[in-house]
């Protein structure tokens, strides 16, 4: 059977593929805070700051926020 669609409309294989598409990263509930903290780090890095230092500082700043959100 040949189709002109980019993807098949057959959904019978979806349950088989579901585990493959699940990300291995944690779900970040406080997404706004994540964007704010890491946005500052990326902006500073683009502006010439040390990338590793900025990302380390952002990670340390965001870690308690993520931990709190994971506790419920």
N, C-alpha and C. Protein backbone atom coordinates (compact mmCIF):
# COMPACT_ATOMS: atom_id res chain seq x y z
N UNK A 1 0.84 -1.18 0.00
CA UNK A 1 0.00 0.00 0.00
C UNK A 1 0.88 1.24 0.00
N UNK A 2 0.68 2.10 -0.91
CA UNK A 2 1.48 3.31 -1.03
C UNK A 2 0.63 4.51 -0.63
N UNK A 3 1.24 5.40 0.12
CA UNK A 3 0.51 6.59 0.56
C UNK A 3 1.27 7.83 0.17
N UNK A 4 0.57 8.91 -0.03
CA UNK A 4 1.21 10.16 -0.39
C UNK A 4 1.49 11.02 0.83
N UNK A 5 1.04 10.56 2.00
CA UNK A 5 1.28 11.30 3.23
C UNK A 5 2.71 11.08 3.71
N UNK A 6 3.22 12.08 4.42
CA UNK A 6 4.58 11.96 4.95
C UNK A 6 4.67 10.88 6.01
N UNK A 7 3.60 10.72 6.78
CA UNK A 7 3.55 9.72 7.83
C UNK A 7 2.30 8.88 7.67
N UNK A 8 2.40 7.64 8.03
CA UNK A 8 1.26 6.75 7.93
C UNK A 8 0.17 7.16 8.91
N UNK A 9 -1.05 6.95 8.55
CA UNK A 9 -2.16 7.24 9.46
C UNK A 9 -2.51 6.03 10.30
N UNK A 10 -1.75 4.94 10.16
CA UNK A 10 -1.98 3.73 10.94
C UNK A 10 -1.49 3.96 12.36
N UNK A 11 -2.42 4.01 13.31
CA UNK A 11 -2.08 4.29 14.71
C UNK A 11 -1.92 3.00 15.52
N UNK A 12 -2.03 1.86 14.88
CA UNK A 12 -1.97 0.60 15.62
C UNK A 12 -0.58 0.34 16.22
N UNK A 13 0.46 0.96 15.68
CA UNK A 13 1.82 0.76 16.19
C UNK A 13 2.20 1.78 17.25
N UNK A 14 1.34 2.73 17.54
CA UNK A 14 1.66 3.79 18.50
C UNK A 14 2.06 3.25 19.87
N UNK A 15 1.33 2.28 20.46
CA UNK A 15 1.75 1.79 21.77
C UNK A 15 3.15 1.17 21.77
N UNK A 16 3.56 0.61 20.66
CA UNK A 16 4.89 0.00 20.56
C UNK A 16 5.96 1.09 20.56
N UNK A 17 5.68 2.21 19.94
CA UNK A 17 6.66 3.28 19.79
C UNK A 17 6.70 4.22 20.99
N UNK A 18 5.67 4.21 21.83
CA UNK A 18 5.58 5.17 22.93
C UNK A 18 6.82 5.19 23.82
N UNK A 19 7.37 4.04 24.26
CA UNK A 19 8.55 4.10 25.12
C UNK A 19 9.76 4.72 24.43
N UNK A 20 9.82 4.64 23.14
CA UNK A 20 10.96 5.19 22.41
C UNK A 20 10.95 6.71 22.45
N UNK A 21 9.78 7.30 22.41
CA UNK A 21 9.70 8.76 22.33
C UNK A 21 9.73 9.45 23.68
N UNK A 22 9.72 8.70 24.77
CA UNK A 22 9.76 9.31 26.09
C UNK A 22 11.16 9.84 26.37
N UNK A 23 11.28 11.09 26.78
CA UNK A 23 12.60 11.65 27.04
C UNK A 23 13.25 11.04 28.28
N UNK A 24 14.55 11.04 28.30
CA UNK A 24 15.28 10.53 29.44
C UNK A 24 15.59 11.61 30.46
N UNK A 25 15.16 12.82 30.19
CA UNK A 25 15.42 13.93 31.09
C UNK A 25 14.25 14.13 32.04
N UNK A 26 14.49 14.76 33.19
CA UNK A 26 13.37 14.99 34.11
C UNK A 26 12.37 15.98 33.53
N UNK A 27 11.12 15.82 33.91
CA UNK A 27 10.10 16.78 33.51
C UNK A 27 10.28 18.01 34.38
N UNK A 28 10.42 19.16 33.74
CA UNK A 28 10.64 20.40 34.48
C UNK A 28 9.31 21.13 34.60
N UNK A 29 8.73 21.07 35.80
CA UNK A 29 7.44 21.71 36.03
C UNK A 29 7.59 23.24 36.11
N UNK A 30 8.59 23.76 36.86
CA UNK A 30 8.73 25.22 36.93
C UNK A 30 9.46 25.77 35.69
N UNK A 31 8.81 25.62 34.55
CA UNK A 31 9.45 25.97 33.28
C UNK A 31 9.76 27.47 33.17
N UNK A 32 8.92 28.30 33.74
CA UNK A 32 9.17 29.75 33.68
C UNK A 32 10.46 30.11 34.40
N UNK A 33 10.64 29.53 35.58
CA UNK A 33 11.86 29.80 36.33
C UNK A 33 13.08 29.26 35.59
N UNK A 34 12.94 28.09 34.97
CA UNK A 34 14.03 27.51 34.19
C UNK A 34 14.44 28.45 33.07
N UNK A 35 13.47 28.95 32.33
CA UNK A 35 13.76 29.85 31.22
C UNK A 35 14.41 31.14 31.71
N UNK A 36 13.94 31.66 32.83
CA UNK A 36 14.51 32.89 33.37
C UNK A 36 15.98 32.69 33.77
N UNK A 37 16.24 31.65 34.55
CA UNK A 37 17.59 31.42 35.07
C UNK A 37 18.57 31.09 33.95
N UNK A 38 18.19 30.15 33.09
CA UNK A 38 19.11 29.76 32.03
C UNK A 38 19.14 30.78 30.90
N UNK A 39 18.08 31.56 30.75
CA UNK A 39 18.08 32.65 29.77
C UNK A 39 19.12 33.70 30.12
N UNK A 40 19.23 34.01 31.40
CA UNK A 40 20.25 34.97 31.85
C UNK A 40 21.64 34.42 31.57
N UNK A 41 21.83 33.13 31.87
CA UNK A 41 23.13 32.50 31.63
C UNK A 41 23.49 32.53 30.15
N UNK A 42 22.54 32.21 29.30
CA UNK A 42 22.81 32.21 27.85
C UNK A 42 23.06 33.62 27.33
N UNK A 43 22.30 34.58 27.83
CA UNK A 43 22.51 35.97 27.42
C UNK A 43 23.89 36.45 27.83
N UNK A 44 24.30 36.12 29.05
CA UNK A 44 25.63 36.51 29.50
C UNK A 44 26.72 35.82 28.68
N UNK A 45 26.50 34.55 28.34
CA UNK A 45 27.48 33.82 27.53
C UNK A 45 27.61 34.43 26.14
N UNK A 46 26.48 34.78 25.56
CA UNK A 46 26.51 35.43 24.24
C UNK A 46 27.23 36.76 24.32
N UNK A 47 27.09 37.42 25.46
CA UNK A 47 27.75 38.71 25.67
C UNK A 47 29.24 38.61 25.96
N UNK A 48 29.76 37.38 26.06
CA UNK A 48 31.20 37.23 26.24
C UNK A 48 31.63 36.62 27.56
N UNK A 49 30.68 36.34 28.45
CA UNK A 49 31.03 35.75 29.74
C UNK A 49 31.47 34.29 29.53
N UNK A 50 32.15 33.76 30.53
CA UNK A 50 32.60 32.36 30.49
C UNK A 50 31.38 31.44 30.52
N UNK A 51 31.23 30.64 29.49
CA UNK A 51 30.05 29.79 29.33
C UNK A 51 29.94 28.78 30.47
N UNK A 52 31.02 28.10 30.78
CA UNK A 52 30.99 27.09 31.83
C UNK A 52 30.62 27.70 33.17
N UNK A 53 31.17 28.84 33.48
CA UNK A 53 30.87 29.50 34.75
C UNK A 53 29.40 29.94 34.81
N UNK A 54 28.89 30.47 33.71
CA UNK A 54 27.50 30.91 33.68
C UNK A 54 26.54 29.74 33.84
N UNK A 55 26.81 28.64 33.15
CA UNK A 55 25.93 27.48 33.25
C UNK A 55 26.03 26.83 34.63
N UNK A 56 27.21 26.84 35.22
CA UNK A 56 27.36 26.30 36.58
C UNK A 56 26.57 27.14 37.57
N UNK A 57 26.66 28.46 37.42
CA UNK A 57 25.92 29.36 38.31
C UNK A 57 24.41 29.17 38.13
N UNK A 58 23.96 29.02 36.89
CA UNK A 58 22.54 28.82 36.61
C UNK A 58 22.05 27.49 37.19
N UNK A 59 22.87 26.46 37.04
CA UNK A 59 22.51 25.15 37.58
C UNK A 59 22.39 25.20 39.09
N UNK A 60 23.33 25.87 39.75
CA UNK A 60 23.28 26.00 41.21
C UNK A 60 22.08 26.82 41.66
N UNK A 61 21.72 27.82 40.88
CA UNK A 61 20.57 28.66 41.21
C UNK A 61 19.26 27.90 41.03
N UNK A 62 19.19 27.09 39.98
CA UNK A 62 17.94 26.40 39.66
C UNK A 62 17.75 25.10 40.42
N UNK A 63 18.82 24.49 40.90
CA UNK A 63 18.73 23.18 41.57
C UNK A 63 17.70 23.17 42.71
N UNK A 64 17.68 24.16 43.62
CA UNK A 64 16.68 24.12 44.70
C UNK A 64 15.24 24.25 44.18
N UNK A 65 15.06 25.02 43.12
CA UNK A 65 13.72 25.19 42.53
C UNK A 65 13.24 23.85 41.97
N UNK A 66 14.12 23.15 41.25
CA UNK A 66 13.76 21.86 40.68
C UNK A 66 13.50 20.84 41.78
N UNK A 67 14.36 20.82 42.79
CA UNK A 67 14.18 19.88 43.91
C UNK A 67 12.85 20.08 44.61
N UNK A 68 12.49 21.34 44.83
CA UNK A 68 11.22 21.66 45.48
C UNK A 68 10.05 21.20 44.63
N UNK A 69 10.14 21.37 43.32
CA UNK A 69 9.04 20.99 42.44
C UNK A 69 8.90 19.46 42.37
N UNK A 70 9.99 18.73 42.52
CA UNK A 70 9.95 17.29 42.47
C UNK A 70 9.36 16.68 43.75
N UNK A 71 9.44 17.44 44.85
CA UNK A 71 8.89 16.96 46.11
C UNK A 71 7.36 17.09 46.14
N UNK A 72 6.87 17.95 45.33
CA UNK A 72 5.41 18.07 45.26
C UNK A 72 4.95 19.35 45.70
